[in-house]
Amino acid sequence: MQWLNSIEDWRDKLIAKLMYQTCMRREEVVNLKTWNLPERSVLDLSRPEASFTIIGKGRKKRLIYLATRSLKESVAGAGQ
């Protein structure tokens, strides 16, 4: 994970973490919209992970699981 820590820009680091932790493909990340992500109002931060649906390869729906810790980091990083 040394390569991940070498990324300085918080946005680029967040994208790299997202791809690494979820196994999302480049095209899936490029097409990801904010409305695909779980809303903070319904997000249960006491659970270890959250899930959301994307349209993946072959236009198939795919369920993605992401650590809630990563979602909290993204919100904190957006304030920079």
N, C-alpha and C. Protein backbone atom coordinates (compact mmCIF):
# COMPACT_ATOMS: atom_id res chain seq x y z
N MET A 1 0.81 -1.20 0.00
CA MET A 1 0.00 0.00 0.00
C MET A 1 0.86 1.26 0.00
N GLN A 2 2.17 1.10 -0.14
CA GLN A 2 3.05 2.26 -0.16
C GLN A 2 2.72 3.17 -1.34
N TRP A 3 2.35 2.58 -2.48
CA TRP A 3 2.00 3.38 -3.66
C TRP A 3 0.81 4.27 -3.37
N LEU A 4 -0.15 3.79 -2.56
CA LEU A 4 -1.34 4.57 -2.24
C LEU A 4 -0.99 5.75 -1.35
N ASN A 5 -0.09 5.54 -0.40
CA ASN A 5 0.32 6.62 0.49
C ASN A 5 1.17 7.66 -0.22
N SER A 6 1.73 7.31 -1.38
CA SER A 6 2.56 8.27 -2.11
C SER A 6 1.72 9.28 -2.90
N ILE A 7 0.43 9.04 -3.03
CA ILE A 7 -0.45 9.97 -3.76
C ILE A 7 -0.77 11.15 -2.85
N GLU A 8 -0.47 12.35 -3.30
CA GLU A 8 -0.63 13.53 -2.45
C GLU A 8 -2.00 14.19 -2.58
N ASP A 9 -2.54 14.27 -3.78
CA ASP A 9 -3.83 14.93 -3.99
C ASP A 9 -4.94 14.07 -3.39
N TRP A 10 -5.78 14.66 -2.50
CA TRP A 10 -6.79 13.87 -1.79
C TRP A 10 -7.81 13.26 -2.75
N ARG A 11 -8.14 13.96 -3.84
CA ARG A 11 -9.11 13.44 -4.80
C ARG A 11 -8.55 12.21 -5.51
N ASP A 12 -7.32 12.31 -5.96
CA ASP A 12 -6.69 11.18 -6.64
C ASP A 12 -6.53 9.99 -5.70
N LYS A 13 -6.18 10.27 -4.43
CA LYS A 13 -6.03 9.21 -3.44
C LYS A 13 -7.37 8.54 -3.18
N LEU A 14 -8.44 9.32 -3.13
CA LEU A 14 -9.78 8.78 -2.90
C LEU A 14 -10.20 7.88 -4.06
N ILE A 15 -9.92 8.29 -5.28
CA ILE A 15 -10.24 7.48 -6.46
C ILE A 15 -9.45 6.18 -6.44
N ALA A 16 -8.17 6.27 -6.11
CA ALA A 16 -7.32 5.06 -6.05
C ALA A 16 -7.82 4.11 -4.98
N LYS A 17 -8.19 4.64 -3.80
CA LYS A 17 -8.72 3.79 -2.72
C LYS A 17 -10.02 3.13 -3.14
N LEU A 18 -10.88 3.89 -3.80
CA LEU A 18 -12.16 3.35 -4.26
C LEU A 18 -11.93 2.18 -5.21
N MET A 19 -11.05 2.35 -6.15
CA MET A 19 -10.77 1.28 -7.11
C MET A 19 -10.13 0.07 -6.42
N TYR A 20 -9.21 0.32 -5.50
CA TYR A 20 -8.51 -0.75 -4.82
C TYR A 20 -9.44 -1.54 -3.89
N GLN A 21 -10.27 -0.83 -3.12
CA GLN A 21 -11.11 -1.47 -2.13
C GLN A 21 -12.34 -2.15 -2.72
N THR A 22 -12.83 -1.67 -3.85
CA THR A 22 -14.08 -2.20 -4.40
C THR A 22 -13.90 -3.02 -5.67
N CYS A 23 -12.72 -3.02 -6.24
CA CYS A 23 -12.45 -3.69 -7.52
C CYS A 23 -13.27 -3.11 -8.66
N MET A 24 -13.62 -1.82 -8.54
CA MET A 24 -14.33 -1.16 -9.63
C MET A 24 -13.38 -0.94 -10.79
N ARG A 25 -13.90 -1.04 -11.98
CA ARG A 25 -13.12 -0.79 -13.18
C ARG A 25 -13.03 0.71 -13.44
N ARG A 26 -12.05 1.09 -14.25
CA ARG A 26 -11.85 2.51 -14.56
C ARG A 26 -13.12 3.15 -15.11
N GLU A 27 -13.75 2.50 -16.05
CA GLU A 27 -14.96 3.04 -16.68
C GLU A 27 -16.10 3.17 -15.66
N GLU A 28 -16.18 2.26 -14.72
CA GLU A 28 -17.21 2.32 -13.68
C GLU A 28 -16.99 3.53 -12.78
N VAL A 29 -15.73 3.81 -12.46
CA VAL A 29 -15.42 4.97 -11.62
C VAL A 29 -15.69 6.26 -12.38
N VAL A 30 -15.34 6.29 -13.66
CA VAL A 30 -15.56 7.49 -14.49
C VAL A 30 -17.06 7.80 -14.56
N ASN A 31 -17.89 6.76 -14.67
CA ASN A 31 -19.34 6.97 -14.79
C ASN A 31 -20.07 7.08 -13.46
N LEU A 32 -19.34 6.97 -12.35
CA LEU A 32 -19.97 7.04 -11.03
C LEU A 32 -20.50 8.44 -10.77
N LYS A 33 -21.73 8.52 -10.33
CA LYS A 33 -22.36 9.80 -10.00
C LYS A 33 -22.62 9.85 -8.50
N THR A 34 -22.75 11.06 -7.97
CA THR A 34 -22.97 11.19 -6.53
C THR A 34 -24.26 10.53 -6.08
N TRP A 35 -25.27 10.49 -6.95
CA TRP A 35 -26.53 9.87 -6.55
C TRP A 35 -26.43 8.34 -6.48
N ASN A 36 -25.33 7.77 -7.00
CA ASN A 36 -25.11 6.33 -6.86
C ASN A 36 -24.67 5.96 -5.44
N LEU A 37 -24.03 6.91 -4.76
CA LEU A 37 -23.51 6.65 -3.42
C LEU A 37 -24.61 6.76 -2.38
N PRO A 38 -24.46 6.04 -1.27
CA PRO A 38 -25.48 6.13 -0.22
C PRO A 38 -25.51 7.53 0.39
N GLU A 39 -26.71 8.01 0.70
CA GLU A 39 -26.86 9.33 1.30
C GLU A 39 -26.40 9.29 2.75
N ARG A 40 -25.82 10.39 3.20
CA ARG A 40 -25.33 10.43 4.59
C ARG A 40 -26.46 10.30 5.59
N SER A 41 -27.65 10.77 5.23
CA SER A 41 -28.78 10.72 6.16
C SER A 41 -29.23 9.29 6.44
N VAL A 42 -29.03 8.37 5.48
CA VAL A 42 -29.44 6.98 5.68
C VAL A 42 -28.25 6.05 5.93
N LEU A 43 -27.06 6.62 5.95
CA LEU A 43 -25.85 5.83 6.14
C LEU A 43 -25.68 5.50 7.62
N ASP A 44 -25.55 4.23 7.94
CA ASP A 44 -25.35 3.77 9.31
C ASP A 44 -23.85 3.61 9.54
N LEU A 45 -23.25 4.61 10.19
CA LEU A 45 -21.80 4.62 10.38
C LEU A 45 -21.33 3.58 11.40
N SER A 46 -22.27 2.97 12.12
CA SER A 46 -21.88 1.93 13.07
C SER A 46 -21.63 0.59 12.35
N ARG A 47 -22.11 0.46 11.12
CA ARG A 47 -21.87 -0.76 10.34
C ARG A 47 -20.51 -0.67 9.67
N PRO A 48 -19.86 -1.80 9.46
CA PRO A 48 -18.51 -1.76 8.88
C PRO A 48 -18.48 -1.39 7.39
N GLU A 49 -19.59 -1.60 6.68
CA GLU A 49 -19.59 -1.29 5.26
C GLU A 49 -20.94 -0.80 4.79
N ALA A 50 -20.91 -0.10 3.67
CA ALA A 50 -22.13 0.38 3.01
C ALA A 50 -22.12 -0.19 1.60
N SER A 51 -23.27 -0.20 0.97
CA SER A 51 -23.33 -0.73 -0.39
C SER A 51 -24.08 0.24 -1.29
N PHE A 52 -23.76 0.15 -2.57
CA PHE A 52 -24.46 0.94 -3.58
C PHE A 52 -24.40 0.18 -4.89
N THR A 53 -25.28 0.53 -5.81
CA THR A 53 -25.40 -0.17 -7.08
C THR A 53 -24.82 0.69 -8.20
N ILE A 54 -24.11 0.04 -9.10
CA ILE A 54 -23.60 0.71 -10.29
C ILE A 54 -23.98 -0.11 -11.52
N ILE A 55 -23.85 0.50 -12.67
CA ILE A 55 -24.01 -0.21 -13.94
C ILE A 55 -22.61 -0.56 -14.40
N GLY A 56 -22.31 -1.85 -14.46
CA GLY A 56 -20.96 -2.30 -14.79
C GLY A 56 -20.83 -2.77 -16.22
N LYS A 57 -19.82 -3.57 -16.43
CA LYS A 57 -19.51 -4.11 -17.75
C LYS A 57 -20.70 -4.90 -18.29
N GLY A 58 -21.01 -4.70 -19.55
CA GLY A 58 -22.14 -5.39 -20.15
C GLY A 58 -23.48 -4.81 -19.72
N ARG A 59 -23.46 -3.57 -19.19
CA ARG A 59 -24.66 -2.85 -18.72
C ARG A 59 -25.41 -3.64 -17.65
N LYS A 60 -24.67 -4.43 -16.87
CA LYS A 60 -25.27 -5.20 -15.79
C LYS A 60 -25.16 -4.41 -14.48
N LYS A 61 -26.21 -4.49 -13.67
CA LYS A 61 -26.16 -3.86 -12.36
C LYS A 61 -25.25 -4.68 -11.46
N ARG A 62 -24.46 -3.96 -10.67
CA ARG A 62 -23.52 -4.62 -9.78
C ARG A 62 -23.55 -3.93 -8.43
N LEU A 63 -23.60 -4.72 -7.37
CA LEU A 63 -23.61 -4.20 -6.02
C LEU A 63 -22.18 -4.05 -5.54
N ILE A 64 -21.84 -2.85 -5.06
CA ILE A 64 -20.49 -2.53 -4.61
C ILE A 64 -20.54 -2.32 -3.10
N TYR A 65 -19.59 -2.90 -2.40
CA TYR A 65 -19.46 -2.71 -0.95
C TYR A 65 -18.25 -1.85 -0.68
N LEU A 66 -18.42 -0.87 0.22
CA LEU A 66 -17.35 0.05 0.55
C LEU A 66 -17.33 0.25 2.07
N ALA A 67 -16.14 0.26 2.65
CA ALA A 67 -16.01 0.47 4.09
C ALA A 67 -16.54 1.85 4.46
N THR A 68 -17.35 1.92 5.51
CA THR A 68 -17.89 3.22 5.93
C THR A 68 -16.77 4.16 6.36
N ARG A 69 -15.65 3.60 6.81
CA ARG A 69 -14.50 4.42 7.16
C ARG A 69 -14.03 5.21 5.94
N SER A 70 -14.07 4.60 4.78
CA SER A 70 -13.67 5.28 3.55
C SER A 70 -14.65 6.40 3.19
N LEU A 71 -15.93 6.16 3.44
CA LEU A 71 -16.92 7.20 3.18
C LEU A 71 -16.71 8.38 4.10
N LYS A 72 -16.38 8.12 5.36
CA LYS A 72 -16.12 9.21 6.30
C LYS A 72 -14.88 10.00 5.87
N GLU A 73 -13.85 9.30 5.40
CA GLU A 73 -12.63 9.97 4.93
C GLU A 73 -12.93 10.87 3.74
N SER A 74 -13.81 10.40 2.85
CA SER A 74 -14.12 11.20 1.66
C SER A 74 -14.84 12.48 2.02
N VAL A 75 -15.71 12.42 3.02
CA VAL A 75 -16.42 13.61 3.46
C VAL A 75 -15.44 14.58 4.13
N ALA A 76 -14.54 14.05 4.94
CA ALA A 76 -13.55 14.90 5.61
C ALA A 76 -12.60 15.52 4.58
N GLY A 77 -12.20 14.77 3.59
CA GLY A 77 -11.29 15.27 2.56
C GLY A 77 -11.91 16.31 1.66
N ALA A 78 -13.22 16.22 1.46
CA ALA A 78 -13.90 17.18 0.59
C ALA A 78 -13.89 18.58 1.17
N GLY A 79 -13.70 18.68 2.46
CA GLY A 79 -13.68 19.99 3.10
C GLY A 79 -12.36 20.72 2.92
N GLN A 80 -11.36 20.08 2.33
CA GLN A 80 -10.04 20.70 2.16
C GLN A 80 -10.07 21.76 1.09
